[in-house]
Amino acid sequence: MAIKKPQVLSSPSTPVQVPADIPGMAAAQMFNEMKSEVSPEAAPLWNFVLEHARAIALAVVLVIVAILAAAGWRWHAQNVAQEARAELGRICAKAEPAARYAALQEFAARAPEEISRAVDLELASTAVALERWNDAAQAYGRIVEEEGDGELSPLAVTALLNRVDLLLRQNMAQDAVSELEAFLPRVPAAVKSLCLSQIGMAAELAGDKARAISAYEEFIKSLPPADSAQAGFYKARIAALK
């Protein structure tokens, strides 16, 4: 009995072609879905973002880099200031005023701005200990000048009054009057009466009786009514000057 050859029931099926760019198709599908969700009002903005996507991404990266750079710089500046404060402390520990003053002068030339006032305060106090009145007055003057144009801080007021005292020690009474008058509008109200009395005293030493009298009169007006003792003392000073 002859064996029959099997009959082909159907033609072979064509293999399914799998797209090579499946990730790209997924991205395109996602893009189409996102685009379909964009309202007509937001379409111009959406198109702008798409057209400038690379530039926007670059700008974001630059902003991040700038933020990181600024943070790094602040960290570096803080470390430098901390090291400078430690060095200033070692200098201030020197027992000999002359050696301390020389070290402070050398350090002041390279000290960071954050501690410039502290350096000037140490220079001033050490110069006073050495009776270098002019050097101390200059150091106090730098502290006042750093205040800018606003109201003087308590530290600046103290530096100003110390500078005035040092000018008087050098027989520079008129300079003391001029400086006090220049800064009087910027002095806090709580210490304005003290500055007026200092102007009067400095004007007396400078031989300017008229200015001394007017300063003392302003001082008396600034006193509370109950403070009759001080008012009486300065009224007597005014009478003696007339």
Protein backbone atom coordinates (compact mmCIF):
# COMPACT_ATOMS: atom_id res chain seq x y z
CA MET A 1 0.00 0.00 0.00
CA ALA A 2 1.49 3.32 -1.07
CA ILE A 3 1.97 6.04 1.56
CA LYS A 4 0.39 9.32 0.55
CA LYS A 5 2.34 12.52 0.80
CA PRO A 6 0.84 14.88 3.39
CA GLN A 7 -1.13 17.68 1.84
CA VAL A 8 -0.21 21.27 2.77
CA LEU A 9 -3.23 22.70 4.48
CA SER A 10 -2.26 26.39 4.27
CA SER A 11 0.65 28.60 3.28
CA PRO A 12 3.20 29.49 5.94
CA SER A 13 2.27 32.56 7.90
CA THR A 14 4.39 35.70 7.43
CA PRO A 15 6.56 36.43 10.48
CA VAL A 16 5.42 39.43 12.54
CA GLN A 17 7.76 42.42 12.06
CA VAL A 18 8.61 43.84 15.51
CA PRO A 19 9.45 47.55 15.32
CA ALA A 20 13.12 48.18 15.98
CA ASP A 21 12.53 51.45 17.85
CA ILE A 22 10.20 50.33 20.59
CA PRO A 23 11.51 52.95 23.09
CA GLY A 24 11.02 55.66 20.47
CA MET A 25 7.49 54.52 19.82
CA ALA A 26 6.79 54.53 23.55
CA ALA A 27 8.13 58.06 23.82
CA ALA A 28 6.08 59.17 20.84
CA GLN A 29 2.98 57.59 22.33
CA MET A 30 3.63 59.30 25.66
CA PHE A 31 4.24 62.60 23.85
CA ASN A 32 0.96 62.25 21.94
CA GLU A 33 -0.90 61.49 25.17
CA MET A 34 0.64 64.53 26.87
CA LYS A 35 -0.11 66.69 23.86
CA SER A 36 -3.74 65.57 23.85
CA GLU A 37 -4.05 66.63 27.48
CA VAL A 38 -2.76 70.15 26.79
CA SER A 39 -5.55 72.68 26.61
CA PRO A 40 -5.77 74.93 23.54
CA GLU A 41 -4.97 77.95 25.72
CA ALA A 42 -1.68 76.37 26.85
CA ALA A 43 -0.69 75.11 23.41
CA PRO A 44 1.55 78.12 22.52
CA LEU A 45 3.46 77.70 25.76
CA TRP A 46 3.74 73.96 25.18
CA ASN A 47 5.08 74.52 21.67
CA PHE A 48 7.56 77.07 22.97
CA VAL A 49 8.83 74.59 25.57
CA LEU A 50 9.21 71.90 22.93
CA GLU A 51 11.05 74.19 20.54
CA HIS A 52 13.45 75.45 23.18
CA ALA A 53 13.79 72.31 25.28
CA ARG A 54 17.55 72.11 24.94
CA ALA A 55 18.08 75.77 25.80
CA ILE A 56 15.78 75.47 28.83
CA ALA A 57 17.59 72.35 30.03
CA LEU A 58 20.94 74.11 29.61
CA ALA A 59 19.68 77.12 31.57
CA VAL A 60 18.50 74.86 34.40
CA VAL A 61 21.90 73.16 34.50
CA LEU A 62 23.67 76.54 34.58
CA VAL A 63 21.46 77.70 37.46
CA ILE A 64 22.25 74.54 39.42
CA VAL A 65 25.97 74.99 38.74
CA ALA A 66 25.77 78.63 39.89
CA ILE A 67 23.98 77.62 43.11
CA LEU A 68 26.57 74.95 43.85
CA ALA A 69 29.40 77.39 43.11
CA ALA A 70 27.90 80.02 45.43
CA ALA A 71 27.48 77.45 48.21
CA GLY A 72 31.08 76.33 47.72
CA TRP A 73 32.31 79.90 47.90
CA ARG A 74 30.34 80.58 51.10
CA TRP A 75 31.79 77.45 52.66
CA HIS A 76 35.30 78.53 51.66
CA ALA A 77 34.76 82.08 52.99
CA GLN A 78 33.44 80.76 56.30
CA ASN A 79 36.48 78.52 56.69
CA VAL A 80 38.82 81.42 55.90
CA ALA A 81 37.04 83.68 58.42
CA GLN A 82 37.13 80.97 61.09
CA GLU A 83 40.86 80.45 60.61
CA ALA A 84 41.41 84.21 60.69
CA ARG A 85 39.51 84.52 63.99
CA ALA A 86 41.66 81.78 65.47
CA GLU A 87 44.82 83.59 64.34
CA LEU A 88 43.51 86.88 65.76
CA GLY A 89 42.94 85.15 69.08
CA ARG A 90 46.54 83.91 69.11
CA ILE A 91 47.82 87.41 68.37
CA CYS A 92 45.70 88.97 71.13
CA ALA A 93 47.14 86.47 73.59
CA LYS A 94 50.58 88.07 73.23
CA ALA A 95 51.42 89.70 76.55
CA GLU A 96 53.78 92.36 75.23
CA PRO A 97 51.77 95.29 73.76
CA ALA A 98 54.49 96.31 71.29
CA ALA A 99 54.79 92.78 69.87
CA ARG A 100 51.01 92.44 69.80
CA TYR A 101 50.61 95.73 67.96
CA ALA A 102 53.22 94.81 65.33
CA ALA A 103 51.52 91.45 64.75
CA LEU A 104 48.12 93.12 64.50
CA GLN A 105 49.37 95.56 61.89
CA GLU A 106 50.76 92.74 59.77
CA PHE A 107 47.58 90.71 60.19
CA ALA A 108 45.28 93.68 59.37
CA ALA A 109 46.75 93.91 55.86
CA ARG A 110 45.46 90.42 54.98
CA ALA A 111 42.54 89.88 57.33
CA PRO A 112 39.15 89.07 55.69
CA GLU A 113 36.50 91.77 55.74
CA GLU A 114 34.30 89.76 58.13
CA ILE A 115 36.66 90.43 61.04
CA SER A 116 38.00 93.86 60.08
CA ARG A 117 36.15 95.55 62.95
CA ALA A 118 37.51 93.10 65.48
CA VAL A 119 41.03 93.75 64.20
CA ASP A 120 40.54 97.54 64.40
CA LEU A 121 39.21 97.24 67.96
CA GLU A 122 42.30 95.30 69.00
CA LEU A 123 44.56 97.76 67.20
CA ALA A 124 42.87 100.68 68.96
CA SER A 125 43.02 99.19 72.45
CA THR A 126 46.64 98.11 72.00
CA ALA A 127 47.59 101.54 70.64
CA VAL A 128 46.01 103.14 73.72
CA ALA A 129 48.08 100.85 75.95
CA LEU A 130 51.16 102.09 74.07
CA GLU A 131 49.91 105.71 74.29
CA ARG A 132 49.86 105.94 70.52
CA TRP A 133 46.86 108.25 70.57
CA ASN A 134 46.78 109.07 66.86
CA ASP A 135 47.00 105.41 65.80
CA ALA A 136 44.19 104.52 68.20
CA ALA A 137 42.05 107.39 66.92
CA GLN A 138 42.54 106.24 63.33
CA ALA A 139 41.51 102.68 64.21
CA TYR A 140 38.35 103.91 65.93
CA GLY A 141 37.66 106.17 62.95
CA ARG A 142 37.73 103.19 60.56
CA ILE A 143 35.10 101.43 62.65
CA VAL A 144 32.80 104.46 62.39
CA GLU A 145 33.37 104.83 58.65
CA GLU A 146 32.34 101.22 58.03
CA GLU A 147 28.79 102.01 59.19
CA GLY A 148 27.67 103.41 55.86
CA ASP A 149 24.94 106.07 55.85
CA GLY A 150 22.40 104.74 58.34
CA GLU A 151 22.00 105.12 62.07
CA LEU A 152 25.17 104.34 63.99
CA SER A 153 25.30 101.05 65.85
CA PRO A 154 26.21 100.96 69.57
CA LEU A 155 29.70 99.78 68.59
CA ALA A 156 30.16 102.71 66.19
CA VAL A 157 28.89 105.22 68.80
CA THR A 158 31.38 103.85 71.33
CA ALA A 159 34.17 104.05 68.75
CA LEU A 160 33.17 107.66 67.91
CA LEU A 161 33.22 108.76 71.55
CA ASN A 162 36.57 107.04 72.11
CA ARG A 163 37.96 108.76 69.02
CA VAL A 164 36.73 112.14 70.30
CA ASP A 165 38.45 111.51 73.63
CA LEU A 166 41.70 110.68 71.83
CA LEU A 167 41.45 113.83 69.71
CA LEU A 168 41.03 115.89 72.88
CA ARG A 169 44.15 114.24 74.34
CA GLN A 170 46.03 115.51 71.30
CA ASN A 171 44.67 119.06 71.74
CA MET A 172 42.50 118.67 68.65
CA ALA A 173 39.32 120.00 70.25
CA GLN A 174 37.98 121.69 67.12
CA ASP A 175 38.35 118.46 65.16
CA ALA A 176 36.44 116.69 67.92
CA VAL A 177 33.60 119.21 67.66
CA SER A 178 33.45 118.85 63.87
CA GLU A 179 33.28 115.05 64.00
CA LEU A 180 30.60 114.99 66.69
CA GLU A 181 28.47 117.48 64.78
CA ALA A 182 28.90 115.53 61.55
CA PHE A 183 27.66 112.29 63.13
CA LEU A 184 25.06 113.80 65.50
CA PRO A 185 22.12 113.31 63.05
CA ARG A 186 22.97 109.59 62.83
CA VAL A 187 23.36 108.98 66.56
CA PRO A 188 20.54 106.98 68.24
CA ALA A 189 18.14 109.11 70.28
CA ALA A 190 19.16 107.34 73.48
CA VAL A 191 22.71 108.74 73.34
CA LYS A 192 22.08 112.07 71.57
CA SER A 193 22.10 114.02 74.84
CA LEU A 194 25.49 112.51 75.73
CA CYS A 195 26.90 113.60 72.37
CA LEU A 196 25.53 117.13 72.91
CA SER A 197 27.33 117.38 76.24
CA GLN A 198 30.52 116.16 74.56
CA ILE A 199 30.15 118.80 71.85
CA GLY A 200 29.76 121.47 74.52
CA MET A 201 32.85 120.29 76.40
CA ALA A 202 34.96 120.05 73.22
CA ALA A 203 33.76 123.49 72.08
CA GLU A 204 34.78 124.93 75.46
CA LEU A 205 38.26 123.46 75.06
CA ALA A 206 38.42 124.84 71.52
CA GLY A 207 37.52 128.31 72.79
CA ASP A 208 34.21 128.39 70.91
CA LYS A 209 31.95 129.69 73.68
CA ALA A 210 28.96 130.29 71.43
CA ARG A 211 28.92 126.70 70.21
CA ALA A 212 29.45 125.38 73.72
CA ILE A 213 26.48 127.40 75.01
CA SER A 214 24.17 126.26 72.20
CA ALA A 215 25.20 122.62 72.73
CA TYR A 216 24.55 122.84 76.46
CA GLU A 217 21.16 124.47 75.84
CA GLU A 218 20.20 121.65 73.48
CA PHE A 219 21.42 119.16 76.06
CA ILE A 220 19.20 120.68 78.78
CA LYS A 221 16.16 120.48 76.48
CA SER A 222 16.83 116.77 75.92
CA LEU A 223 16.80 116.00 79.66
CA PRO A 224 13.68 114.60 81.36
CA PRO A 225 11.93 117.16 83.63
CA ALA A 226 12.86 115.19 86.74
CA ASP A 227 16.59 115.46 86.06
CA SER A 228 17.05 118.83 87.70
CA ALA A 229 20.58 118.10 88.96
CA GLN A 230 22.15 117.85 85.52
CA ALA A 231 20.07 120.73 84.22
CA GLY A 232 21.28 122.92 87.08
CA PHE A 233 24.93 121.98 86.46
CA TYR A 234 24.80 122.86 82.75
CA LYS A 235 22.85 126.06 83.40
CA ALA A 236 25.71 127.09 85.64
CA ARG A 237 28.17 126.25 82.86
CA ILE A 238 26.20 128.39 80.44
CA ALA A 239 26.18 131.30 82.91
CA ALA A 240 29.94 131.02 83.34
CA LEU A 241 30.52 131.12 79.60
CA LYS A 242 28.38 134.19 78.99
